[in-house]
Amino acid sequence: MSRMIKFSSQIDSESLDELRKLARETERSLSRLLTEAVQQYLHTARVRPAFASAVEEVLEEHNELLERLAR
C-alpha cells in the first residue's frame, strides 16, 4: 500500500454515521474503509467505459444475427 496522505472533505452526516457503524462492525478503521471505497470506485469508473465500448462493438458486428434471433 502506498503512503497515506491526510486530506479534508465533507460528507453528509447519515453517510458518515453508516461508515462509522460499518467500521466498528468489520473492525476496520474509517480511513481503511474510505481507501477501499475510493479504490473500488476508481476501478469501476475505468472498467465501465471499456466494457460499454466492447458491448457496442459486438452489437454492431453481429447486428444482423441479433435481429434474426429476435424474430
PDB file of N, CA and C in Angstrom:
ATOM      1  N   MET A   1       0.848  -1.174   0.000  1.00  0.00           N
ATOM      2  CA  MET A   1       0.000   0.000   0.000  1.00  0.00           C
ATOM      3  C   MET A   1       0.894   1.238   0.000  1.00  0.00           C
ATOM      4  N   SER A   2       0.478   2.236  -0.725  1.00  0.00           N
ATOM      5  CA  SER A   2       1.292   3.444  -0.796  1.00  0.00           C
ATOM      6  C   SER A   2       1.135   4.285   0.470  1.00  0.00           C
ATOM      7  N   ARG A   3       1.919   5.293   0.541  1.00  0.00           N
ATOM      8  CA  ARG A   3       1.957   6.189   1.697  1.00  0.00           C
ATOM      9  C   ARG A   3       0.622   6.899   1.860  1.00  0.00           C
ATOM     10  N   MET A   4       0.169   7.014   3.085  1.00  0.00           N
ATOM     11  CA  MET A   4      -1.105   7.657   3.394  1.00  0.00           C
ATOM     12  C   MET A   4      -0.901   9.171   3.481  1.00  0.00           C
ATOM     13  N   ILE A   5      -1.856   9.917   2.920  1.00  0.00           N
ATOM     14  CA  ILE A   5      -1.817  11.375   2.931  1.00  0.00           C
ATOM     15  C   ILE A   5      -3.113  11.882   3.530  1.00  0.00           C
ATOM     16  N   LYS A   6      -3.002  12.783   4.469  1.00  0.00           N
ATOM     17  CA  LYS A   6      -4.174  13.360   5.118  1.00  0.00           C
ATOM     18  C   LYS A   6      -4.800  14.390   4.182  1.00  0.00           C
ATOM     19  N   PHE A   7      -6.136  14.360   4.078  1.00  0.00           N
ATOM     20  CA  PHE A   7      -6.854  15.354   3.297  1.00  0.00           C
ATOM     21  C   PHE A   7      -8.174  15.661   3.990  1.00  0.00           C
ATOM     22  N   SER A   8      -8.839  16.685   3.530  1.00  0.00           N
ATOM     23  CA  SER A   8     -10.092  17.099   4.150  1.00  0.00           C
ATOM     24  C   SER A   8     -11.195  17.105   3.100  1.00  0.00           C
ATOM     25  N   SER A   9     -12.370  16.681   3.501  1.00  0.00           N
ATOM     26  CA  SER A   9     -13.520  16.687   2.613  1.00  0.00           C
ATOM     27  C   SER A   9     -14.775  16.792   3.451  1.00  0.00           C
ATOM     28  N   GLN A  10     -15.930  16.719   2.797  1.00  0.00           N
ATOM     29  CA  GLN A  10     -17.200  16.784   3.508  1.00  0.00           C
ATOM     30  C   GLN A  10     -18.079  15.628   3.072  1.00  0.00           C
ATOM     31  N   ILE A  11     -18.931  15.167   3.991  1.00  0.00           N
ATOM     32  CA  ILE A  11     -19.853  14.077   3.723  1.00  0.00           C
ATOM     33  C   ILE A  11     -21.108  14.327   4.561  1.00  0.00           C
ATOM     34  N   ASP A  12     -22.248  13.850   4.081  1.00  0.00           N
ATOM     35  CA  ASP A  12     -23.464  14.067   4.866  1.00  0.00           C
ATOM     36  C   ASP A  12     -23.406  13.224   6.138  1.00  0.00           C
ATOM     37  N   SER A  13     -24.069  13.696   7.182  1.00  0.00           N
ATOM     38  CA  SER A  13     -23.958  13.076   8.500  1.00  0.00           C
ATOM     39  C   SER A  13     -24.482  11.642   8.523  1.00  0.00           C
ATOM     40  N   GLU A  14     -25.525  11.343   7.774  1.00  0.00           N
ATOM     41  CA  GLU A  14     -26.062   9.985   7.758  1.00  0.00           C
ATOM     42  C   GLU A  14     -25.063   8.998   7.155  1.00  0.00           C
ATOM     43  N   SER A  15     -24.423   9.391   6.063  1.00  0.00           N
ATOM     44  CA  SER A  15     -23.425   8.519   5.441  1.00  0.00           C
ATOM     45  C   SER A  15     -22.242   8.302   6.374  1.00  0.00           C
ATOM     46  N   LEU A  16     -21.820   9.350   7.048  1.00  0.00           N
ATOM     47  CA  LEU A  16     -20.698   9.222   7.982  1.00  0.00           C
ATOM     48  C   LEU A  16     -21.072   8.294   9.133  1.00  0.00           C
ATOM     49  N   ASP A  17     -22.278   8.423   9.646  1.00  0.00           N
ATOM     50  CA  ASP A  17     -22.729   7.526  10.712  1.00  0.00           C
ATOM     51  C   ASP A  17     -22.707   6.070  10.249  1.00  0.00           C
ATOM     52  N   GLU A  18     -23.174   5.829   9.033  1.00  0.00           N
ATOM     53  CA  GLU A  18     -23.178   4.466   8.490  1.00  0.00           C
ATOM     54  C   GLU A  18     -21.754   3.940   8.291  1.00  0.00           C
ATOM     55  N   LEU A  19     -20.853   4.801   7.823  1.00  0.00           N
ATOM     56  CA  LEU A  19     -19.451   4.391   7.669  1.00  0.00           C
ATOM     57  C   LEU A  19     -18.828   4.028   9.006  1.00  0.00           C
ATOM     58  N   ARG A  20     -19.088   4.838  10.004  1.00  0.00           N
ATOM     59  CA  ARG A  20     -18.543   4.560  11.340  1.00  0.00           C
ATOM     60  C   ARG A  20     -19.104   3.246  11.883  1.00  0.00           C
ATOM     61  N   LYS A  21     -20.389   3.019  11.668  1.00  0.00           N
ATOM     62  CA  LYS A  21     -21.020   1.780  12.112  1.00  0.00           C
ATOM     63  C   LYS A  21     -20.378   0.580  11.408  1.00  0.00           C
ATOM     64  N   LEU A  22     -20.201   0.680  10.082  1.00  0.00           N
ATOM     65  CA  LEU A  22     -19.581  -0.400   9.320  1.00  0.00           C
ATOM     66  C   LEU A  22     -18.138  -0.632   9.778  1.00  0.00           C
ATOM     67  N   ALA A  23     -17.427   0.439  10.061  1.00  0.00           N
ATOM     68  CA  ALA A  23     -16.044   0.314  10.535  1.00  0.00           C
ATOM     69  C   ALA A  23     -16.002  -0.477  11.843  1.00  0.00           C
ATOM     70  N   ARG A  24     -16.910  -0.165  12.749  1.00  0.00           N
ATOM     71  CA  ARG A  24     -16.964  -0.914  14.015  1.00  0.00           C
ATOM     72  C   ARG A  24     -17.317  -2.379  13.769  1.00  0.00           C
ATOM     73  N   GLU A  25     -18.344  -2.606  12.929  1.00  0.00           N
ATOM     74  CA  GLU A  25     -18.809  -3.973  12.662  1.00  0.00           C
ATOM     75  C   GLU A  25     -17.740  -4.841  12.008  1.00  0.00           C
ATOM     76  N   THR A  26     -16.935  -4.242  11.171  1.00  0.00           N
ATOM     77  CA  THR A  26     -15.925  -5.002  10.420  1.00  0.00           C
ATOM     78  C   THR A  26     -14.531  -4.881  11.026  1.00  0.00           C
ATOM     79  N   GLU A  27     -14.446  -4.165  12.136  1.00  0.00           N
ATOM     80  CA  GLU A  27     -13.168  -3.961  12.833  1.00  0.00           C
ATOM     81  C   GLU A  27     -12.094  -3.385  11.915  1.00  0.00           C
ATOM     82  N   ARG A  28     -12.511  -2.414  11.119  1.00  0.00           N
ATOM     83  CA  ARG A  28     -11.574  -1.685  10.251  1.00  0.00           C
ATOM     84  C   ARG A  28     -11.663  -0.205  10.599  1.00  0.00           C
ATOM     85  N   SER A  29     -10.645   0.528  10.251  1.00  0.00           N
ATOM     86  CA  SER A  29     -10.655   1.962  10.513  1.00  0.00           C
ATOM     87  C   SER A  29     -11.489   2.680   9.452  1.00  0.00           C
ATOM     88  N   LEU A  30     -11.956   3.842   9.807  1.00  0.00           N
ATOM     89  CA  LEU A  30     -12.692   4.667   8.861  1.00  0.00           C
ATOM     90  C   LEU A  30     -11.813   4.992   7.657  1.00  0.00           C
ATOM     91  N   SER A  31     -10.557   5.261   7.907  1.00  0.00           N
ATOM     92  CA  SER A  31      -9.607   5.544   6.838  1.00  0.00           C
ATOM     93  C   SER A  31      -9.484   4.363   5.886  1.00  0.00           C
ATOM     94  N   ARG A  32      -9.412   3.164   6.438  1.00  0.00           N
ATOM     95  CA  ARG A  32      -9.304   1.952   5.610  1.00  0.00           C
ATOM     96  C   ARG A  32     -10.545   1.783   4.732  1.00  0.00           C
ATOM     97  N   LEU A  33     -11.729   1.978   5.323  1.00  0.00           N
ATOM     98  CA  LEU A  33     -12.970   1.866   4.550  1.00  0.00           C
ATOM     99  C   LEU A  33     -13.024   2.883   3.415  1.00  0.00           C
ATOM    100  N   LEU A  34     -12.638   4.106   3.702  1.00  0.00           N
ATOM    101  CA  LEU A  34     -12.661   5.145   2.669  1.00  0.00           C
ATOM    102  C   LEU A  34     -11.670   4.830   1.557  1.00  0.00           C
ATOM    103  N   THR A  35     -10.489   4.360   1.918  1.00  0.00           N
ATOM    104  CA  THR A  35      -9.494   3.994   0.908  1.00  0.00           C
ATOM    105  C   THR A  35     -10.015   2.873   0.017  1.00  0.00           C
ATOM    106  N   GLU A  36     -10.597   1.850   0.631  1.00  0.00           N
ATOM    107  CA  GLU A  36     -11.154   0.734  -0.144  1.00  0.00           C
ATOM    108  C   GLU A  36     -12.287   1.203  -1.058  1.00  0.00           C
ATOM    109  N   ALA A  37     -13.139   2.075  -0.555  1.00  0.00           N
ATOM    110  CA  ALA A  37     -14.269   2.579  -1.349  1.00  0.00           C
ATOM    111  C   ALA A  37     -13.778   3.388  -2.548  1.00  0.00           C
ATOM    112  N   VAL A  38     -12.782   4.218  -2.336  1.00  0.00           N
ATOM    113  CA  VAL A  38     -12.234   5.025  -3.438  1.00  0.00           C
ATOM    114  C   VAL A  38     -11.559   4.133  -4.470  1.00  0.00           C
ATOM    115  N   GLN A  39     -10.807   3.139  -4.011  1.00  0.00           N
ATOM    116  CA  GLN A  39     -10.151   2.221  -4.945  1.00  0.00           C
ATOM    117  C   GLN A  39     -11.185   1.468  -5.781  1.00  0.00           C
ATOM    118  N   GLN A  40     -12.231   1.002  -5.136  1.00  0.00           N
ATOM    119  CA  GLN A  40     -13.286   0.280  -5.852  1.00  0.00           C
ATOM    120  C   GLN A  40     -13.976   1.197  -6.868  1.00  0.00           C
ATOM    121  N   TYR A  41     -14.264   2.435  -6.461  1.00  0.00           N
ATOM    122  CA  TYR A  41     -14.897   3.389  -7.370  1.00  0.00           C
ATOM    123  C   TYR A  41     -14.012   3.663  -8.580  1.00  0.00           C
ATOM    124  N   LEU A  42     -12.733   3.891  -8.350  1.00  0.00           N
ATOM    125  CA  LEU A  42     -11.814   4.171  -9.455  1.00  0.00           C
ATOM    126  C   LEU A  42     -11.742   2.994 -10.418  1.00  0.00           C
ATOM    127  N   HIS A  43     -11.702   1.793  -9.894  1.00  0.00           N
ATOM    128  CA  HIS A  43     -11.672   0.608 -10.747  1.00  0.00           C
ATOM    129  C   HIS A  43     -12.953   0.527 -11.581  1.00  0.00           C
ATOM    130  N   THR A  44     -14.091   0.692 -10.939  1.00  0.00           N
ATOM    131  CA  THR A  44     -15.383   0.614 -11.630  1.00  0.00           C
ATOM    132  C   THR A  44     -15.516   1.721 -12.676  1.00  0.00           C
ATOM    133  N   ALA A  45     -15.105   2.912 -12.333  1.00  0.00           N
ATOM    134  CA  ALA A  45     -15.222   4.040 -13.259  1.00  0.00           C
ATOM    135  C   ALA A  45     -14.370   3.828 -14.503  1.00  0.00           C
ATOM    136  N   ARG A  46     -13.270   3.113 -14.363  1.00  0.00           N
ATOM    137  CA  ARG A  46     -12.398   2.853 -15.511  1.00  0.00           C
ATOM    138  C   ARG A  46     -12.857   1.648 -16.312  1.00  0.00           C
ATOM    139  N   VAL A  47     -13.414   0.646 -15.675  1.00  0.00           N
ATOM    140  CA  VAL A  47     -13.815  -0.575 -16.359  1.00  0.00           C
ATOM    141  C   VAL A  47     -15.099  -0.365 -17.150  1.00  0.00           C
ATOM    142  N   ARG A  48     -16.053   0.335 -16.610  1.00  0.00           N
ATOM    143  CA  ARG A  48     -17.352   0.504 -17.267  1.00  0.00           C
ATOM    144  C   ARG A  48     -17.254   1.058 -18.686  1.00  0.00           C
ATOM    145  N   PRO A  49     -16.501   2.140 -18.918  1.00  0.00           N
ATOM    146  CA  PRO A  49     -16.416   2.636 -20.298  1.00  0.00           C
ATOM    147  C   PRO A  49     -15.819   1.605 -21.264  1.00  0.00           C
ATOM    148  N   ALA A  50     -14.818   0.876 -20.813  1.00  0.00           N
ATOM    149  CA  ALA A  50     -14.205  -0.146 -21.673  1.00  0.00           C
ATOM    150  C   ALA A  50     -15.209  -1.258 -21.959  1.00  0.00           C
ATOM    151  N   PHE A  51     -15.960  -1.667 -20.953  1.00  0.00           N
ATOM    152  CA  PHE A  51     -16.963  -2.705 -21.137  1.00  0.00           C
ATOM    153  C   PHE A  51     -18.064  -2.224 -22.080  1.00  0.00           C
ATOM    154  N   ALA A  52     -18.543  -1.016 -21.867  1.00  0.00           N
ATOM    155  CA  ALA A  52     -19.599  -0.460 -22.719  1.00  0.00           C
ATOM    156  C   ALA A  52     -19.131  -0.374 -24.169  1.00  0.00           C
ATOM    157  N   SER A  53     -17.891   0.002 -24.371  1.00  0.00           N
ATOM    158  CA  SER A  53     -17.328   0.089 -25.714  1.00  0.00           C
ATOM    159  C   SER A  53     -17.271  -1.295 -26.362  1.00  0.00           C
ATOM    160  N   ALA A  54     -16.856  -2.299 -25.601  1.00  0.00           N
ATOM    161  CA  ALA A  54     -16.778  -3.664 -26.130  1.00  0.00           C
ATOM    162  C   ALA A  54     -18.162  -4.193 -26.478  1.00  0.00           C
ATOM    163  N   VAL A  55     -19.148  -3.917 -25.649  1.00  0.00           N
ATOM    164  CA  VAL A  55     -20.524  -4.351 -25.919  1.00  0.00           C
ATOM    165  C   VAL A  55     -21.030  -3.698 -27.202  1.00  0.00           C
ATOM    166  N   GLU A  56     -20.797  -2.425 -27.339  1.00  0.00           N
ATOM    167  CA  GLU A  56     -21.234  -1.703 -28.541  1.00  0.00           C
ATOM    168  C   GLU A  56     -20.592  -2.288 -29.787  1.00  0.00           C
ATOM    169  N   GLU A  57     -19.315  -2.608 -29.695  1.00  0.00           N
ATOM    170  CA  GLU A  57     -18.592  -3.195 -30.822  1.00  0.00           C
ATOM    171  C   GLU A  57     -19.194  -4.546 -31.218  1.00  0.00           C
ATOM    172  N   VAL A  58     -19.489  -5.384 -30.240  1.00  0.00           N
ATOM    173  CA  VAL A  58     -20.078  -6.703 -30.510  1.00  0.00           C
ATOM    174  C   VAL A  58     -21.469  -6.550 -31.118  1.00  0.00           C
ATOM    175  N   LEU A  59     -22.261  -5.628 -30.581  1.00  0.00           N
ATOM    176  CA  LEU A  59     -23.610  -5.416 -31.113  1.00  0.00           C
ATOM    177  C   LEU A  59     -23.570  -4.963 -32.568  1.00  0.00           C
ATOM    178  N   GLU A  60     -22.645  -4.077 -32.876  1.00  0.00           N
ATOM    179  CA  GLU A  60     -22.517  -3.611 -34.251  1.00  0.00           C
ATOM    180  C   GLU A  60     -22.049  -4.738 -35.174  1.00  0.00           C
ATOM    181  N   GLU A  61     -21.079  -5.501 -34.699  1.00  0.00           N
ATOM    182  CA  GLU A  61     -20.501  -6.565 -35.512  1.00  0.00           C
ATOM    183  C   GLU A  61     -21.514  -7.674 -35.808  1.00  0.00           C
ATOM    184  N   HIS A  62     -22.396  -7.956 -34.868  1.00  0.00           N
ATOM    185  CA  HIS A  62     -23.331  -9.066 -35.013  1.00  0.00           C
ATOM    186  C   HIS A  62     -24.788  -8.595 -35.101  1.00  0.00           C
ATOM    187  N   ASN A  63     -24.982  -7.385 -35.578  1.00  0.00           N
ATOM    188  CA  ASN A  63     -26.307  -6.790 -35.631  1.00  0.00           C
ATOM    189  C   ASN A  63     -27.300  -7.647 -36.426  1.00  0.00           C
ATOM    190  N   GLU A  64     -26.902  -8.115 -37.598  1.00  0.00           N
ATOM    191  CA  GLU A  64     -27.811  -8.903 -38.441  1.00  0.00           C
ATOM    192  C   GLU A  64     -28.227 -10.195 -37.739  1.00  0.00           C
ATOM    193  N   LEU A  65     -27.283 -10.893 -37.144  1.00  0.00           N
ATOM    194  CA  LEU A  65     -27.589 -12.129 -36.431  1.00  0.00           C
ATOM    195  C   LEU A  65     -28.517 -11.867 -35.249  1.00  0.00           C
ATOM    196  N   LEU A  66     -28.259 -10.815 -34.518  1.00  0.00           N
ATOM    197  CA  LEU A  66     -29.093 -10.490 -33.358  1.00  0.00           C
ATOM    198  C   LEU A  66     -30.526 -10.139 -33.786  1.00  0.00           C
ATOM    199  N   GLU A  67     -30.661  -9.449 -34.899  1.00  0.00           N
ATOM    200  CA  GLU A  67     -32.009  -9.133 -35.410  1.00  0.00           C
ATOM    201  C   GLU A  67     -32.749 -10.406 -35.795  1.00  0.00           C
ATOM    202  N   ARG A  68     -32.053 -11.360 -36.452  1.00  0.00           N
ATOM    203  CA  ARG A  68     -32.691 -12.637 -36.816  1.00  0.00           C
ATOM    204  C   ARG A  68     -33.094 -13.434 -35.575  1.00  0.00           C
ATOM    205  N   LEU A  69     -32.247 -13.428 -34.564  1.00  0.00           N
ATOM    206  CA  LEU A  69     -32.566 -14.132 -33.327  1.00  0.00           C
ATOM    207  C   LEU A  69     -33.770 -13.503 -32.602  1.00  0.00           C
ATOM    208  N   ALA A  70     -33.917 -12.212 -32.746  1.00  0.00           N
ATOM    209  CA  ALA A  70     -35.012 -11.511 -32.078  1.00  0.00           C
ATOM    210  C   ALA A  70     -36.367 -11.851 -32.714  1.00  0.00           C
ATOM    211  N   ARG A  71     -36.372 -12.277 -33.992  1.00  0.00           N
ATOM    212  CA  ARG A  71     -37.633 -12.612 -34.678  1.00  0.00           C
ATOM    213  C   ARG A  71     -38.163 -13.888 -34.235  1.00  0.00           C
TER     214      ARG A  71
END
